[in-house]
Amino acid sequence: MAKVVLLHNDDEVLDPSDTTLRTRGSVRVDGHGMGGWEEHLDGTWTALIGHKPFRGASKQALTAMLETYFADGARTG
C-alpha cells in the first residue's frame, strides 16, 4: 500500500478572496510530491493529482482514497 501524507502549507498561501477554503497543502506519496489538497469550509477535502480530481468527506477518507488509487498502480514518480 502506498503511504500518502497530506502536508499543511503556510496559511499565507490561501487566497483571501476564495471564501470556500479553510486550509491547503501538498500531497506526498511514498516521499514524492504528487499534487495538492484543500480543506473546504463545508467539511469536504479535495485533491488534484496530475489532472485527476479526488473528493472525500474527511481527511481520512481522502487519504484512504489516494492510497487505494496509488496502490492500484498509479504512477508515483
N, C-alpha and C. Protein backbone atom coordinates (compact mmCIF):
# COMPACT_ATOMS: atom_id res chain seq x y z
N MET A 1 0.85 -1.18 0.00
CA MET A 1 0.00 0.00 0.00
C MET A 1 0.90 1.24 0.00
N ALA A 2 0.53 2.19 -0.78
CA ALA A 2 1.28 3.45 -0.85
C ALA A 2 1.07 4.26 0.43
N LYS A 3 2.10 4.98 0.84
CA LYS A 3 1.99 5.85 2.02
C LYS A 3 1.70 7.26 1.53
N VAL A 4 0.51 7.76 1.87
CA VAL A 4 0.07 9.10 1.47
C VAL A 4 0.11 10.01 2.68
N VAL A 5 0.76 11.17 2.52
CA VAL A 5 0.83 12.17 3.59
C VAL A 5 0.31 13.49 3.03
N LEU A 6 -0.63 14.09 3.75
CA LEU A 6 -1.13 15.41 3.37
C LEU A 6 -0.40 16.44 4.23
N LEU A 7 0.49 17.19 3.61
CA LEU A 7 1.29 18.19 4.32
C LEU A 7 0.57 19.53 4.32
N HIS A 8 0.59 20.22 5.45
CA HIS A 8 -0.05 21.53 5.56
C HIS A 8 0.92 22.61 5.12
N ASN A 9 0.46 23.48 4.23
CA ASN A 9 1.27 24.63 3.82
C ASN A 9 0.91 25.83 4.68
N ASP A 10 1.74 26.82 4.67
CA ASP A 10 1.51 28.06 5.40
C ASP A 10 0.17 28.67 4.98
N ASP A 11 -0.61 29.11 5.95
CA ASP A 11 -1.92 29.71 5.67
C ASP A 11 -1.82 30.95 4.79
N GLU A 12 -0.64 31.55 4.71
CA GLU A 12 -0.48 32.74 3.87
C GLU A 12 -0.63 32.44 2.39
N VAL A 13 -0.58 31.13 2.00
CA VAL A 13 -0.75 30.79 0.59
C VAL A 13 -2.22 30.78 0.18
N LEU A 14 -3.13 30.92 1.15
CA LEU A 14 -4.55 30.95 0.84
C LEU A 14 -4.92 32.27 0.18
N ASP A 15 -5.78 32.19 -0.81
CA ASP A 15 -6.29 33.38 -1.48
C ASP A 15 -7.45 33.93 -0.64
N PRO A 16 -7.32 35.12 -0.06
CA PRO A 16 -8.38 35.64 0.81
C PRO A 16 -9.71 35.84 0.09
N SER A 17 -9.68 35.93 -1.23
CA SER A 17 -10.94 36.11 -1.96
C SER A 17 -11.69 34.79 -2.16
N ASP A 18 -11.02 33.65 -1.90
CA ASP A 18 -11.69 32.35 -2.01
C ASP A 18 -12.29 32.00 -0.66
N THR A 19 -13.56 32.22 -0.52
CA THR A 19 -14.24 32.05 0.77
C THR A 19 -14.64 30.60 1.03
N THR A 20 -14.27 29.65 0.16
CA THR A 20 -14.64 28.26 0.37
C THR A 20 -13.54 27.44 1.03
N LEU A 21 -12.32 28.00 1.13
CA LEU A 21 -11.19 27.22 1.64
C LEU A 21 -10.90 27.49 3.11
N ARG A 22 -10.54 26.42 3.81
CA ARG A 22 -10.07 26.53 5.20
C ARG A 22 -8.56 26.40 5.23
N THR A 23 -8.02 25.33 4.63
CA THR A 23 -6.57 25.11 4.57
C THR A 23 -6.22 24.42 3.26
N ARG A 24 -4.94 24.42 2.93
CA ARG A 24 -4.47 23.68 1.75
C ARG A 24 -3.05 23.24 1.99
N GLY A 25 -2.62 22.33 1.14
CA GLY A 25 -1.26 21.83 1.28
C GLY A 25 -0.87 20.94 0.12
N SER A 26 0.20 20.20 0.32
CA SER A 26 0.70 19.34 -0.74
C SER A 26 0.51 17.87 -0.37
N VAL A 27 0.43 17.05 -1.42
CA VAL A 27 0.29 15.60 -1.25
C VAL A 27 1.63 14.95 -1.56
N ARG A 28 2.08 14.09 -0.64
CA ARG A 28 3.29 13.31 -0.89
C ARG A 28 2.91 11.83 -0.85
N VAL A 29 3.41 11.09 -1.82
CA VAL A 29 3.15 9.66 -1.91
C VAL A 29 4.48 8.94 -1.93
N ASP A 30 4.69 8.10 -0.94
CA ASP A 30 5.96 7.39 -0.79
C ASP A 30 7.15 8.35 -0.90
N GLY A 31 6.99 9.53 -0.31
CA GLY A 31 8.05 10.52 -0.26
C GLY A 31 8.17 11.43 -1.47
N HIS A 32 7.31 11.25 -2.47
CA HIS A 32 7.35 12.06 -3.69
C HIS A 32 6.19 13.06 -3.71
N GLY A 33 6.46 14.30 -4.05
CA GLY A 33 5.40 15.29 -4.22
C GLY A 33 4.54 14.91 -5.42
N MET A 34 3.22 14.84 -5.20
CA MET A 34 2.34 14.37 -6.27
C MET A 34 1.22 15.33 -6.62
N GLY A 35 0.99 16.35 -5.84
CA GLY A 35 -0.11 17.27 -6.12
C GLY A 35 -0.45 18.08 -4.89
N GLY A 36 -1.69 18.54 -4.84
CA GLY A 36 -2.12 19.37 -3.73
C GLY A 36 -3.49 18.96 -3.21
N TRP A 37 -3.78 19.39 -1.99
CA TRP A 37 -5.08 19.14 -1.38
C TRP A 37 -5.63 20.44 -0.82
N GLU A 38 -6.95 20.46 -0.61
CA GLU A 38 -7.62 21.61 0.01
C GLU A 38 -8.72 21.11 0.95
N GLU A 39 -8.84 21.76 2.09
CA GLU A 39 -9.95 21.52 3.01
C GLU A 39 -10.92 22.67 2.84
N HIS A 40 -12.18 22.34 2.59
CA HIS A 40 -13.20 23.35 2.33
C HIS A 40 -14.05 23.60 3.57
N LEU A 41 -14.63 24.76 3.65
CA LEU A 41 -15.44 25.14 4.81
C LEU A 41 -16.66 24.25 4.99
N ASP A 42 -17.12 23.60 3.90
CA ASP A 42 -18.27 22.70 4.02
C ASP A 42 -17.87 21.33 4.57
N GLY A 43 -16.58 21.16 4.91
CA GLY A 43 -16.11 19.91 5.51
C GLY A 43 -15.51 18.93 4.52
N THR A 44 -15.64 19.16 3.24
CA THR A 44 -15.08 18.25 2.26
C THR A 44 -13.59 18.52 2.05
N TRP A 45 -12.91 17.51 1.60
CA TRP A 45 -11.48 17.58 1.28
C TRP A 45 -11.31 17.19 -0.17
N THR A 46 -10.50 17.93 -0.91
CA THR A 46 -10.26 17.62 -2.32
C THR A 46 -8.76 17.55 -2.57
N ALA A 47 -8.41 16.81 -3.60
CA ALA A 47 -7.01 16.74 -4.04
C ALA A 47 -6.99 16.75 -5.55
N LEU A 48 -5.91 17.28 -6.09
CA LEU A 48 -5.69 17.25 -7.53
C LEU A 48 -4.32 16.59 -7.74
N ILE A 49 -4.36 15.41 -8.36
CA ILE A 49 -3.15 14.64 -8.64
C ILE A 49 -3.02 14.61 -10.16
N GLY A 50 -2.00 15.28 -10.67
CA GLY A 50 -1.93 15.45 -12.12
C GLY A 50 -3.13 16.28 -12.55
N HIS A 51 -3.95 15.74 -13.40
CA HIS A 51 -5.19 16.42 -13.80
C HIS A 51 -6.41 15.68 -13.27
N LYS A 52 -6.22 14.75 -12.34
CA LYS A 52 -7.32 13.94 -11.82
C LYS A 52 -7.77 14.47 -10.46
N PRO A 53 -9.06 14.85 -10.36
CA PRO A 53 -9.58 15.34 -9.07
C PRO A 53 -10.07 14.20 -8.18
N PHE A 54 -9.94 14.39 -6.88
CA PHE A 54 -10.45 13.46 -5.87
C PHE A 54 -11.22 14.28 -4.84
N ARG A 55 -12.28 13.69 -4.25
CA ARG A 55 -13.08 14.40 -3.26
C ARG A 55 -13.47 13.41 -2.16
N GLY A 56 -13.21 13.80 -0.90
CA GLY A 56 -13.56 12.96 0.24
C GLY A 56 -14.34 13.74 1.28
N ALA A 57 -15.07 13.01 2.10
CA ALA A 57 -15.89 13.63 3.14
C ALA A 57 -15.05 14.05 4.35
N SER A 58 -13.80 13.58 4.42
CA SER A 58 -12.91 13.91 5.54
C SER A 58 -11.47 13.73 5.09
N LYS A 59 -10.55 14.17 5.93
CA LYS A 59 -9.13 13.98 5.63
C LYS A 59 -8.80 12.49 5.54
N GLN A 60 -9.34 11.71 6.46
CA GLN A 60 -9.09 10.27 6.46
C GLN A 60 -9.66 9.61 5.21
N ALA A 61 -10.86 10.02 4.78
CA ALA A 61 -11.47 9.45 3.58
C ALA A 61 -10.65 9.79 2.34
N LEU A 62 -10.18 11.02 2.25
CA LEU A 62 -9.37 11.43 1.10
C LEU A 62 -8.04 10.68 1.09
N THR A 63 -7.40 10.54 2.23
CA THR A 63 -6.14 9.81 2.32
C THR A 63 -6.33 8.36 1.90
N ALA A 64 -7.39 7.71 2.38
CA ALA A 64 -7.66 6.32 2.02
C ALA A 64 -7.92 6.18 0.53
N MET A 65 -8.65 7.12 -0.04
CA MET A 65 -8.94 7.10 -1.48
C MET A 65 -7.64 7.20 -2.29
N LEU A 66 -6.76 8.10 -1.88
CA LEU A 66 -5.50 8.27 -2.58
C LEU A 66 -4.59 7.04 -2.41
N GLU A 67 -4.59 6.46 -1.22
CA GLU A 67 -3.78 5.25 -1.00
C GLU A 67 -4.25 4.12 -1.91
N THR A 68 -5.55 3.97 -2.05
CA THR A 68 -6.11 2.94 -2.94
C THR A 68 -5.75 3.24 -4.40
N TYR A 69 -5.87 4.49 -4.79
CA TYR A 69 -5.55 4.88 -6.15
C TYR A 69 -4.10 4.55 -6.50
N PHE A 70 -3.18 4.89 -5.61
CA PHE A 70 -1.77 4.64 -5.89
C PHE A 70 -1.41 3.17 -5.72
N ALA A 71 -2.11 2.43 -4.85
CA ALA A 71 -1.86 1.00 -4.70
C ALA A 71 -2.30 0.24 -5.94
N ASP A 72 -3.27 0.79 -6.67
CA ASP A 72 -3.77 0.14 -7.88
C ASP A 72 -2.89 0.40 -9.10
N GLY A 73 -1.69 0.93 -8.88
CA GLY A 73 -0.73 1.06 -9.96
C GLY A 73 -0.57 2.42 -10.56
N ALA A 74 -1.15 3.44 -9.95
CA ALA A 74 -0.94 4.81 -10.47
C ALA A 74 0.53 5.17 -10.30
N ARG A 75 1.02 5.97 -11.17
CA ARG A 75 2.44 6.36 -11.18
C ARG A 75 2.78 7.21 -9.95
N THR A 76 3.84 6.86 -9.25
CA THR A 76 4.26 7.61 -8.06
C THR A 76 5.57 8.35 -8.26
N GLY A 77 6.00 8.54 -9.48
CA GLY A 77 7.17 9.37 -9.69
C GLY A 77 8.33 8.68 -10.16
